[in-house]
Amino acid sequence: MITKGSGTDKPSASSMVEVHYSGWTTDGQLFDSSVQRGETAKFPLNRVIPGWTEGLQLMVEGEKRRFWIPAELAYGKNPPAGAPAGMLCFDVELVKILSK
């Protein structure tokens, strides 16, 4: 955990959430960041990579964590075009649970 959250509720596997995040490959290349874009991302947890679905269910609102996600729980060893391969690192802040 990077920062302790202020909430007590945790999202479910199908919750809609609002997050801030940055993602890197293991060689340190930043490949995506809502923080750099200056706007949060909103999505249902059942529509993201399995590592995010699993990890975000352990968090409460306001919490920041670093996820080290193996390829099997990310985009796989042979990802679709434009997606990074291998293990990935994400810093994720659960801003808000929009729906359970």
PDB file of N, CA and C in Angstrom:
ATOM      1  N   MET A   1       0.847  -1.168   0.000  1.00  0.00           N
ATOM      2  CA  MET A   1       0.000   0.000   0.000  1.00  0.00           C
ATOM      3  C   MET A   1       0.897   1.238   0.000  1.00  0.00           C
ATOM      4  N   ILE A   2       0.556   2.181  -0.846  1.00  0.00           N
ATOM      5  CA  ILE A   2       1.294   3.438  -0.917  1.00  0.00           C
ATOM      6  C   ILE A   2       0.637   4.467   0.003  1.00  0.00           C
ATOM      7  N   THR A   3      -0.692   4.571  -0.079  1.00  0.00           N
ATOM      8  CA  THR A   3      -1.450   5.502   0.757  1.00  0.00           C
ATOM      9  C   THR A   3      -2.694   4.803   1.275  1.00  0.00           C
ATOM     10  N   LYS A   4      -2.923   4.923   2.566  1.00  0.00           N
ATOM     11  CA  LYS A   4      -4.119   4.337   3.169  1.00  0.00           C
ATOM     12  C   LYS A   4      -5.355   5.118   2.714  1.00  0.00           C
ATOM     13  N   GLY A   5      -6.450   4.392   2.481  1.00  0.00           N
ATOM     14  CA  GLY A   5      -7.691   5.029   2.065  1.00  0.00           C
ATOM     15  C   GLY A   5      -8.519   5.483   3.248  1.00  0.00           C
ATOM     16  N   SER A   6      -9.571   6.219   2.924  1.00  0.00           N
ATOM     17  CA  SER A   6     -10.446   6.748   3.971  1.00  0.00           C
ATOM     18  C   SER A   6     -11.763   5.983   4.063  1.00  0.00           C
ATOM     19  N   GLY A   7     -12.053   5.143   3.089  1.00  0.00           N
ATOM     20  CA  GLY A   7     -13.313   4.416   3.067  1.00  0.00           C
ATOM     21  C   GLY A   7     -13.228   3.084   3.780  1.00  0.00           C
ATOM     22  N   THR A   8     -14.365   2.401   3.822  1.00  0.00           N
ATOM     23  CA  THR A   8     -14.417   1.056   4.390  1.00  0.00           C
ATOM     24  C   THR A   8     -14.969   0.054   3.382  1.00  0.00           C
ATOM     25  N   ASP A   9     -15.749   0.515   2.418  1.00  0.00           N
ATOM     26  CA  ASP A   9     -16.333  -0.362   1.401  1.00  0.00           C
ATOM     27  C   ASP A   9     -15.296  -0.709   0.346  1.00  0.00           C
ATOM     28  N   LYS A  10     -15.394  -1.939  -0.163  1.00  0.00           N
ATOM     29  CA  LYS A  10     -14.538  -2.398  -1.250  1.00  0.00           C
ATOM     30  C   LYS A  10     -15.422  -2.739  -2.442  1.00  0.00           C
ATOM     31  N   PRO A  11     -14.932  -2.503  -3.658  1.00  0.00           N
ATOM     32  CA  PRO A  11     -15.738  -2.830  -4.834  1.00  0.00           C
ATOM     33  C   PRO A  11     -15.859  -4.338  -5.036  1.00  0.00           C
ATOM     34  N   SER A  12     -16.897  -4.732  -5.764  1.00  0.00           N
ATOM     35  CA  SER A  12     -17.066  -6.132  -6.155  1.00  0.00           C
ATOM     36  C   SER A  12     -16.473  -6.316  -7.550  1.00  0.00           C
ATOM     37  N   ALA A  13     -16.459  -7.542  -8.039  1.00  0.00           N
ATOM     38  CA  ALA A  13     -15.886  -7.845  -9.355  1.00  0.00           C
ATOM     39  C   ALA A  13     -16.632  -7.175 -10.497  1.00  0.00           C
ATOM     40  N   SER A  14     -17.852  -6.711 -10.248  1.00  0.00           N
ATOM     41  CA  SER A  14     -18.622  -6.048 -11.313  1.00  0.00           C
ATOM     42  C   SER A  14     -18.905  -4.582 -11.007  1.00  0.00           C
ATOM     43  N   SER A  15     -18.294  -4.032  -9.960  1.00  0.00           N
ATOM     44  CA  SER A  15     -18.514  -2.629  -9.606  1.00  0.00           C
ATOM     45  C   SER A  15     -17.994  -1.688 -10.691  1.00  0.00           C
ATOM     46  N   MET A  16     -18.633  -0.526 -10.776  1.00  0.00           N
ATOM     47  CA  MET A  16     -18.137   0.563 -11.612  1.00  0.00           C
ATOM     48  C   MET A  16     -17.270   1.420 -10.697  1.00  0.00           C
ATOM     49  N   VAL A  17     -16.034   1.713 -11.133  1.00  0.00           N
ATOM     50  CA  VAL A  17     -15.106   2.471 -10.302  1.00  0.00           C
ATOM     51  C   VAL A  17     -14.520   3.654 -11.070  1.00  0.00           C
ATOM     52  N   GLU A  18     -13.999   4.596 -10.294  1.00  0.00           N
ATOM     53  CA  GLU A  18     -13.261   5.732 -10.840  1.00  0.00           C
ATOM     54  C   GLU A  18     -11.857   5.653 -10.252  1.00  0.00           C
ATOM     55  N   VAL A  19     -10.847   5.673 -11.113  1.00  0.00           N
ATOM     56  CA  VAL A  19      -9.464   5.523 -10.667  1.00  0.00           C
ATOM     57  C   VAL A  19      -8.546   6.531 -11.343  1.00  0.00           C
ATOM     58  N   HIS A  20      -7.395   6.712 -10.714  1.00  0.00           N
ATOM     59  CA  HIS A  20      -6.250   7.373 -11.337  1.00  0.00           C
ATOM     60  C   HIS A  20      -5.166   6.311 -11.379  1.00  0.00           C
ATOM     61  N   TYR A  21      -4.410   6.236 -12.457  1.00  0.00           N
ATOM     62  CA  TYR A  21      -3.393   5.183 -12.570  1.00  0.00           C
ATOM     63  C   TYR A  21      -2.277   5.596 -13.513  1.00  0.00           C
ATOM     64  N   SER A  22      -1.161   4.922 -13.363  1.00  0.00           N
ATOM     65  CA  SER A  22      -0.056   4.986 -14.311  1.00  0.00           C
ATOM     66  C   SER A  22       0.461   3.563 -14.458  1.00  0.00           C
ATOM     67  N   GLY A  23       0.820   3.180 -15.685  1.00  0.00           N
ATOM     68  CA  GLY A  23       1.297   1.826 -15.946  1.00  0.00           C
ATOM     69  C   GLY A  23       2.637   1.825 -16.653  1.00  0.00           C
ATOM     70  N   TRP A  24       3.538   0.928 -16.174  1.00  0.00           N
ATOM     71  CA  TRP A  24       4.876   0.797 -16.729  1.00  0.00           C
ATOM     72  C   TRP A  24       5.173  -0.647 -17.099  1.00  0.00           C
ATOM     73  N   THR A  25       6.042  -0.806 -18.073  1.00  0.00           N
ATOM     74  CA  THR A  25       6.609  -2.118 -18.341  1.00  0.00           C
ATOM     75  C   THR A  25       7.750  -2.325 -17.335  1.00  0.00           C
ATOM     76  N   THR A  26       8.254  -3.537 -17.211  1.00  0.00           N
ATOM     77  CA  THR A  26       9.294  -3.812 -16.210  1.00  0.00           C
ATOM     78  C   THR A  26      10.622  -3.137 -16.524  1.00  0.00           C
ATOM     79  N   ASP A  27      10.791  -2.630 -17.738  1.00  0.00           N
ATOM     80  CA  ASP A  27      12.016  -1.880 -18.047  1.00  0.00           C
ATOM     81  C   ASP A  27      11.830  -0.384 -17.793  1.00  0.00           C
ATOM     82  N   GLY A  28      10.705  -0.018 -17.163  1.00  0.00           N
ATOM     83  CA  GLY A  28      10.484   1.369 -16.755  1.00  0.00           C
ATOM     84  C   GLY A  28       9.807   2.264 -17.769  1.00  0.00           C
ATOM     85  N   GLN A  29       9.305   1.704 -18.870  1.00  0.00           N
ATOM     86  CA  GLN A  29       8.638   2.510 -19.896  1.00  0.00           C
ATOM     87  C   GLN A  29       7.187   2.761 -19.500  1.00  0.00           C
ATOM     88  N   LEU A  30       6.826   4.037 -19.338  1.00  0.00           N
ATOM     89  CA  LEU A  30       5.443   4.411 -19.063  1.00  0.00           C
ATOM     90  C   LEU A  30       4.637   4.187 -20.335  1.00  0.00           C
ATOM     91  N   PHE A  31       3.554   3.383 -20.255  1.00  0.00           N
ATOM     92  CA  PHE A  31       2.768   3.134 -21.460  1.00  0.00           C
ATOM     93  C   PHE A  31       1.369   3.717 -21.387  1.00  0.00           C
ATOM     94  N   ASP A  32       0.889   4.083 -20.195  1.00  0.00           N
ATOM     95  CA  ASP A  32      -0.441   4.675 -20.074  1.00  0.00           C
ATOM     96  C   ASP A  32      -0.543   5.359 -18.721  1.00  0.00           C
ATOM     97  N   SER A  33      -1.219   6.518 -18.680  1.00  0.00           N
ATOM     98  CA  SER A  33      -1.364   7.226 -17.417  1.00  0.00           C
ATOM     99  C   SER A  33      -2.540   8.199 -17.453  1.00  0.00           C
ATOM    100  N   SER A  34      -3.544   7.932 -16.613  1.00  0.00           N
ATOM    101  CA  SER A  34      -4.647   8.891 -16.470  1.00  0.00           C
ATOM    102  C   SER A  34      -4.137  10.137 -15.763  1.00  0.00           C
ATOM    103  N   VAL A  35      -3.124   9.982 -14.923  1.00  0.00           N
ATOM    104  CA  VAL A  35      -2.541  11.115 -14.196  1.00  0.00           C
ATOM    105  C   VAL A  35      -1.956  12.113 -15.192  1.00  0.00           C
ATOM    106  N   GLN A  36      -1.193  11.627 -16.172  1.00  0.00           N
ATOM    107  CA  GLN A  36      -0.610  12.509 -17.190  1.00  0.00           C
ATOM    108  C   GLN A  36      -1.689  13.178 -18.039  1.00  0.00           C
ATOM    109  N   ARG A  37      -2.789  12.470 -18.290  1.00  0.00           N
ATOM    110  CA  ARG A  37      -3.878  13.053 -19.079  1.00  0.00           C
ATOM    111  C   ARG A  37      -4.672  14.071 -18.260  1.00  0.00           C
ATOM    112  N   GLY A  38      -4.539  14.003 -16.935  1.00  0.00           N
ATOM    113  CA  GLY A  38      -5.228  14.954 -16.071  1.00  0.00           C
ATOM    114  C   GLY A  38      -6.692  14.652 -15.862  1.00  0.00           C
ATOM    115  N   GLU A  39      -7.102  13.412 -16.126  1.00  0.00           N
ATOM    116  CA  GLU A  39      -8.492  13.034 -15.881  1.00  0.00           C
ATOM    117  C   GLU A  39      -8.571  11.580 -15.435  1.00  0.00           C
ATOM    118  N   THR A  40      -9.465  11.303 -14.508  1.00  0.00           N
ATOM    119  CA  THR A  40      -9.630   9.953 -14.003  1.00  0.00           C
ATOM    120  C   THR A  40     -10.257   9.058 -15.074  1.00  0.00           C
ATOM    121  N   ALA A  41     -10.167   7.760 -14.852  1.00  0.00           N
ATOM    122  CA  ALA A  41     -10.789   6.775 -15.734  1.00  0.00           C
ATOM    123  C   ALA A  41     -11.923   6.105 -14.973  1.00  0.00           C
ATOM    124  N   LYS A  42     -13.022   5.818 -15.669  1.00  0.00           N
ATOM    125  CA  LYS A  42     -14.184   5.144 -15.080  1.00  0.00           C
ATOM    126  C   LYS A  42     -14.477   3.897 -15.896  1.00  0.00           C
ATOM    127  N   PHE A  43     -14.674   2.767 -15.192  1.00  0.00           N
ATOM    128  CA  PHE A  43     -14.957   1.525 -15.890  1.00  0.00           C
ATOM    129  C   PHE A  43     -15.496   0.487 -14.922  1.00  0.00           C
ATOM    130  N   PRO A  44     -16.212  -0.530 -15.458  1.00  0.00           N
ATOM    131  CA  PRO A  44     -16.622  -1.662 -14.614  1.00  0.00           C
ATOM    132  C   PRO A  44     -15.437  -2.609 -14.449  1.00  0.00           C
ATOM    133  N   LEU A  45     -15.271  -3.166 -13.259  1.00  0.00           N
ATOM    134  CA  LEU A  45     -14.128  -4.038 -12.988  1.00  0.00           C
ATOM    135  C   LEU A  45     -14.129  -5.321 -13.811  1.00  0.00           C
ATOM    136  N   ASN A  46     -15.294  -5.717 -14.334  1.00  0.00           N
ATOM    137  CA  ASN A  46     -15.321  -6.928 -15.151  1.00  0.00           C
ATOM    138  C   ASN A  46     -14.961  -6.646 -16.618  1.00  0.00           C
ATOM    139  N   ARG A  47     -14.466  -5.446 -16.907  1.00  0.00           N
ATOM    140  CA  ARG A  47     -14.075  -5.082 -18.281  1.00  0.00           C
ATOM    141  C   ARG A  47     -12.607  -4.681 -18.383  1.00  0.00           C
ATOM    142  N   VAL A  48     -11.809  -5.018 -17.365  1.00  0.00           N
ATOM    143  CA  VAL A  48     -10.385  -4.692 -17.374  1.00  0.00           C
ATOM    144  C   VAL A  48      -9.563  -5.971 -17.229  1.00  0.00           C
ATOM    145  N   ILE A  49      -8.258  -5.838 -17.264  1.00  0.00           N
ATOM    146  CA  ILE A  49      -7.415  -7.030 -17.129  1.00  0.00           C
ATOM    147  C   ILE A  49      -7.664  -7.693 -15.771  1.00  0.00           C
ATOM    148  N   PRO A  50      -7.540  -9.009 -15.714  1.00  0.00           N
ATOM    149  CA  PRO A  50      -7.834  -9.735 -14.473  1.00  0.00           C
ATOM    150  C   PRO A  50      -7.054  -9.244 -13.252  1.00  0.00           C
ATOM    151  N   GLY A  51      -5.818  -8.816 -13.442  1.00  0.00           N
ATOM    152  CA  GLY A  51      -5.033  -8.312 -12.319  1.00  0.00           C
ATOM    153  C   GLY A  51      -5.640  -7.077 -11.680  1.00  0.00           C
ATOM    154  N   TRP A  52      -6.264  -6.235 -12.485  1.00  0.00           N
ATOM    155  CA  TRP A  52      -6.958  -5.046 -11.949  1.00  0.00           C
ATOM    156  C   TRP A  52      -8.243  -5.466 -11.245  1.00  0.00           C
ATOM    157  N   THR A  53      -9.005  -6.377 -11.857  1.00  0.00           N
ATOM    158  CA  THR A  53     -10.253  -6.841 -11.234  1.00  0.00           C
ATOM    159  C   THR A  53      -9.953  -7.404  -9.853  1.00  0.00           C
ATOM    160  N   GLU A  54      -8.908  -8.206  -9.762  1.00  0.00           N
ATOM    161  CA  GLU A  54      -8.524  -8.833  -8.500  1.00  0.00           C
ATOM    162  C   GLU A  54      -7.992  -7.795  -7.497  1.00  0.00           C
ATOM    163  N   GLY A  55      -7.069  -6.966  -7.932  1.00  0.00           N
ATOM    164  CA  GLY A  55      -6.422  -6.009  -7.036  1.00  0.00           C
ATOM    165  C   GLY A  55      -7.323  -4.921  -6.505  1.00  0.00           C
ATOM    166  N   LEU A  56      -8.172  -4.375  -7.341  1.00  0.00           N
ATOM    167  CA  LEU A  56      -9.046  -3.277  -6.906  1.00  0.00           C
ATOM    168  C   LEU A  56     -10.087  -3.729  -5.889  1.00  0.00           C
ATOM    169  N   GLN A  57     -10.442  -5.008  -5.894  1.00  0.00           N
ATOM    170  CA  GLN A  57     -11.400  -5.514  -4.910  1.00  0.00           C
ATOM    171  C   GLN A  57     -10.820  -5.529  -3.491  1.00  0.00           C
ATOM    172  N   LEU A  58      -9.517  -5.362  -3.363  1.00  0.00           N
ATOM    173  CA  LEU A  58      -8.857  -5.333  -2.056  1.00  0.00           C
ATOM    174  C   LEU A  58      -8.719  -3.914  -1.515  1.00  0.00           C
ATOM    175  N   MET A  59      -9.151  -2.922  -2.303  1.00  0.00           N
ATOM    176  CA  MET A  59      -8.927  -1.515  -1.956  1.00  0.00           C
ATOM    177  C   MET A  59     -10.190  -0.826  -1.453  1.00  0.00           C
ATOM    178  N   VAL A  60      -9.980   0.293  -0.741  1.00  0.00           N
ATOM    179  CA  VAL A  60     -11.072   1.168  -0.317  1.00  0.00           C
ATOM    180  C   VAL A  60     -10.853   2.524  -0.970  1.00  0.00           C
ATOM    181  N   GLU A  61     -11.890   3.354  -0.996  1.00  0.00           N
ATOM    182  CA  GLU A  61     -11.782   4.678  -1.615  1.00  0.00           C
ATOM    183  C   GLU A  61     -10.648   5.472  -0.986  1.00  0.00           C
ATOM    184  N   GLY A  62      -9.900   6.155  -1.839  1.00  0.00           N
ATOM    185  CA  GLY A  62      -8.789   6.977  -1.392  1.00  0.00           C
ATOM    186  C   GLY A  62      -7.472   6.235  -1.284  1.00  0.00           C
ATOM    187  N   GLU A  63      -7.502   4.916  -1.389  1.00  0.00           N
ATOM    188  CA  GLU A  63      -6.293   4.109  -1.243  1.00  0.00           C
ATOM    189  C   GLU A  63      -5.479   4.110  -2.536  1.00  0.00           C
ATOM    190  N   LYS A  64      -4.157   4.104  -2.376  1.00  0.00           N
ATOM    191  CA  LYS A  64      -3.241   3.977  -3.518  1.00  0.00           C
ATOM    192  C   LYS A  64      -2.393   2.736  -3.291  1.00  0.00           C
ATOM    193  N   ARG A  65      -2.277   1.925  -4.342  1.00  0.00           N
ATOM    194  CA  ARG A  65      -1.459   0.715  -4.284  1.00  0.00           C
ATOM    195  C   ARG A  65      -0.630   0.587  -5.545  1.00  0.00           C
ATOM    196  N   ARG A  66       0.442  -0.177  -5.420  1.00  0.00           N
ATOM    197  CA  ARG A  66       1.255  -0.556  -6.580  1.00  0.00           C
ATOM    198  C   ARG A  66       0.968  -2.019  -6.874  1.00  0.00           C
ATOM    199  N   PHE A  67       0.564  -2.290  -8.095  1.00  0.00           N
ATOM    200  CA  PHE A  67       0.291  -3.655  -8.542  1.00  0.00           C
ATOM    201  C   PHE A  67       1.432  -4.120  -9.447  1.00  0.00           C
ATOM    202  N   TRP A  68       1.993  -5.289  -9.155  1.00  0.00           N
ATOM    203  CA  TRP A  68       2.894  -5.982 -10.067  1.00  0.00           C
ATOM    204  C   TRP A  68       2.073  -7.125 -10.637  1.00  0.00           C
ATOM    205  N   ILE A  69       1.702  -7.003 -11.904  1.00  0.00           N
ATOM    206  CA  ILE A  69       0.763  -7.943 -12.510  1.00  0.00           C
ATOM    207  C   ILE A  69       1.483  -8.841 -13.507  1.00  0.00           C
ATOM    208  N   PRO A  70       1.485 -10.166 -13.258  1.00  0.00           N
ATOM    209  CA  PRO A  70       2.129 -11.085 -14.208  1.00  0.00           C
ATOM    210  C   PRO A  70       1.372 -11.100 -15.539  1.00  0.00           C
ATOM    211  N   ALA A  71       2.085 -11.470 -16.580  1.00  0.00           N
ATOM    212  CA  ALA A  71       1.514 -11.468 -17.935  1.00  0.00           C
ATOM    213  C   ALA A  71       0.174 -12.199 -18.003  1.00  0.00           C
ATOM    214  N   GLU A  72       0.054 -13.334 -17.276  1.00  0.00           N
ATOM    215  CA  GLU A  72      -1.181 -14.122 -17.334  1.00  0.00           C
ATOM    216  C   GLU A  72      -2.400 -13.345 -16.829  1.00  0.00           C
ATOM    217  N   LEU A  73      -2.181 -12.358 -15.958  1.00  0.00           N
ATOM    218  CA  LEU A  73      -3.286 -11.543 -15.424  1.00  0.00           C
ATOM    219  C   LEU A  73      -3.324 -10.159 -16.048  1.00  0.00           C
ATOM    220  N   ALA A  74      -2.468  -9.961 -17.081  1.00  0.00           N
ATOM    221  CA  ALA A  74      -2.441  -8.686 -17.807  1.00  0.00           C
ATOM    222  C   ALA A  74      -2.909  -8.929 -19.239  1.00  0.00           C
ATOM    223  N   TYR A  75      -2.046  -8.681 -20.205  1.00  0.00           N
ATOM    224  CA  TYR A  75      -2.427  -8.836 -21.615  1.00  0.00           C
ATOM    225  C   TYR A  75      -1.866 -10.106 -22.236  1.00  0.00           C
ATOM    226  N   GLY A  76      -1.203 -10.941 -21.436  1.00  0.00           N
ATOM    227  CA  GLY A  76      -0.651 -12.187 -21.946  1.00  0.00           C
ATOM    228  C   GLY A  76       0.742 -12.022 -22.510  1.00  0.00           C
ATOM    229  N   LYS A  77       1.335 -13.146 -22.889  1.00  0.00           N
ATOM    230  CA  LYS A  77       2.688 -13.118 -23.453  1.00  0.00           C
ATOM    231  C   LYS A  77       2.689 -12.680 -24.906  1.00  0.00           C
ATOM    232  N   ASN A  78       1.564 -12.834 -25.582  1.00  0.00           N
ATOM    233  CA  ASN A  78       1.395 -12.370 -26.961  1.00  0.00           C
ATOM    234  C   ASN A  78       0.183 -11.444 -27.006  1.00  0.00           C
ATOM    235  N   PRO A  79       0.344 -10.207 -26.508  1.00  0.00           N
ATOM    236  CA  PRO A  79      -0.795  -9.293 -26.387  1.00  0.00           C
ATOM    237  C   PRO A  79      -1.305  -8.793 -27.734  1.00  0.00           C
ATOM    238  N   PRO A  80      -2.532  -8.279 -27.723  1.00  0.00           N
ATOM    239  CA  PRO A  80      -3.057  -7.673 -28.949  1.00  0.00           C
ATOM    240  C   PRO A  80      -2.224  -6.445 -29.326  1.00  0.00           C
ATOM    241  N   ALA A  81      -2.325  -6.038 -30.574  1.00  0.00           N
ATOM    242  CA  ALA A  81      -1.562  -4.880 -31.060  1.00  0.00           C
ATOM    243  C   ALA A  81      -1.783  -3.664 -30.165  1.00  0.00           C
ATOM    244  N   GLY A  82      -0.688  -3.010 -29.809  1.00  0.00           N
ATOM    245  CA  GLY A  82      -0.763  -1.801 -29.000  1.00  0.00           C
ATOM    246  C   GLY A  82      -0.724  -2.033 -27.502  1.00  0.00           C
ATOM    247  N   ALA A  83      -0.899  -3.270 -27.048  1.00  0.00           N
ATOM    248  CA  ALA A  83      -0.880  -3.574 -25.614  1.00  0.00           C
ATOM    249  C   ALA A  83       0.516  -4.064 -25.227  1.00  0.00           C
ATOM    250  N   PRO A  84       0.993  -3.717 -24.039  1.00  0.00           N
ATOM    251  CA  PRO A  84       2.318  -4.158 -23.612  1.00  0.00           C
ATOM    252  C   PRO A  84       2.350  -5.637 -23.232  1.00  0.00           C
ATOM    253  N   ALA A  85       3.514  -6.250 -23.409  1.00  0.00           N
ATOM    254  CA  ALA A  85       3.687  -7.670 -23.096  1.00  0.00           C
ATOM    255  C   ALA A  85       4.371  -7.845 -21.750  1.00  0.00           C
ATOM    256  N   GLY A  86       4.214  -9.038 -21.189  1.00  0.00           N
ATOM    257  CA  GLY A  86       4.933  -9.405 -19.974  1.00  0.00           C
ATOM    258  C   GLY A  86       4.328  -8.837 -18.700  1.00  0.00           C
ATOM    259  N   MET A  87       5.132  -8.915 -17.623  1.00  0.00           N
ATOM    260  CA  MET A  87       4.698  -8.380 -16.339  1.00  0.00           C
ATOM    261  C   MET A  87       4.598  -6.859 -16.428  1.00  0.00           C
ATOM    262  N   LEU A  88       3.582  -6.307 -15.766  1.00  0.00           N
ATOM    263  CA  LEU A  88       3.365  -4.863 -15.779  1.00  0.00           C
ATOM    264  C   LEU A  88       3.288  -4.330 -14.355  1.00  0.00           C
ATOM    265  N   CYS A  89       3.632  -3.067 -14.192  1.00  0.00           N
ATOM    266  CA  CYS A  89       3.543  -2.391 -12.906  1.00  0.00           C
ATOM    267  C   CYS A  89       2.575  -1.217 -13.040  1.00  0.00           C
ATOM    268  N   PHE A  90       1.636  -1.137 -12.099  1.00  0.00           N
ATOM    269  CA  PHE A  90       0.669  -0.039 -12.091  1.00  0.00           C
ATOM    270  C   PHE A  90       0.624   0.599 -10.713  1.00  0.00           C
ATOM    271  N   ASP A  91       0.603   1.920 -10.665  1.00  0.00           N
ATOM    272  CA  ASP A  91       0.226   2.640  -9.460  1.00  0.00           C
ATOM    273  C   ASP A  91      -1.235   3.021  -9.658  1.00  0.00           C
ATOM    274  N   VAL A  92      -2.088   2.597  -8.728  1.00  0.00           N
ATOM    275  CA  VAL A  92      -3.532   2.782  -8.872  1.00  0.00           C
ATOM    276  C   VAL A  92      -4.093   3.446  -7.622  1.00  0.00           C
ATOM    277  N   GLU A  93      -4.907   4.480  -7.828  1.00  0.00           N
ATOM    278  CA  GLU A  93      -5.654   5.110  -6.745  1.00  0.00           C
ATOM    279  C   GLU A  93      -7.138   4.869  -6.986  1.00  0.00           C
ATOM    280  N   LEU A  94      -7.819   4.257  -6.017  1.00  0.00           N
ATOM    281  CA  LEU A  94      -9.269   4.083  -6.123  1.00  0.00           C
ATOM    282  C   LEU A  94      -9.911   5.378  -5.652  1.00  0.00           C
ATOM    283  N   VAL A  95     -10.343   6.192  -6.578  1.00  0.00           N
ATOM    284  CA  VAL A  95     -10.922   7.488  -6.260  1.00  0.00           C
ATOM    285  C   VAL A  95     -12.318   7.322  -5.690  1.00  0.00           C
ATOM    286  N   LYS A  96     -13.142   6.494  -6.377  1.00  0.00           N
ATOM    287  CA  LYS A  96     -14.531   6.339  -5.946  1.00  0.00           C
ATOM    288  C   LYS A  96     -15.120   5.037  -6.466  1.00  0.00           C
ATOM    289  N   ILE A  97     -15.967   4.418  -5.668  1.00  0.00           N
ATOM    290  CA  ILE A  97     -16.776   3.287  -6.121  1.00  0.00           C
ATOM    291  C   ILE A  97     -18.080   3.905  -6.607  1.00  0.00           C
ATOM    292  N   LEU A  98     -18.349   3.824  -7.900  1.00  0.00           N
ATOM    293  CA  LEU A  98     -19.520   4.472  -8.492  1.00  0.00           C
ATOM    294  C   LEU A  98     -20.772   3.622  -8.365  1.00  0.00           C
ATOM    295  N   SER A  99     -20.599   2.309  -8.388  1.00  0.00           N
ATOM    296  CA  SER A  99     -21.723   1.400  -8.158  1.00  0.00           C
ATOM    297  C   SER A  99     -21.174   0.066  -7.665  1.00  0.00           C
ATOM    298  N   LYS A 100     -21.948  -0.612  -6.833  1.00  0.00           N
ATOM    299  CA  LYS A 100     -21.526  -1.915  -6.295  1.00  0.00           C
ATOM    300  C   LYS A 100     -21.871  -2.964  -7.319  1.00  0.00           C
TER     301      LYS A 100
END
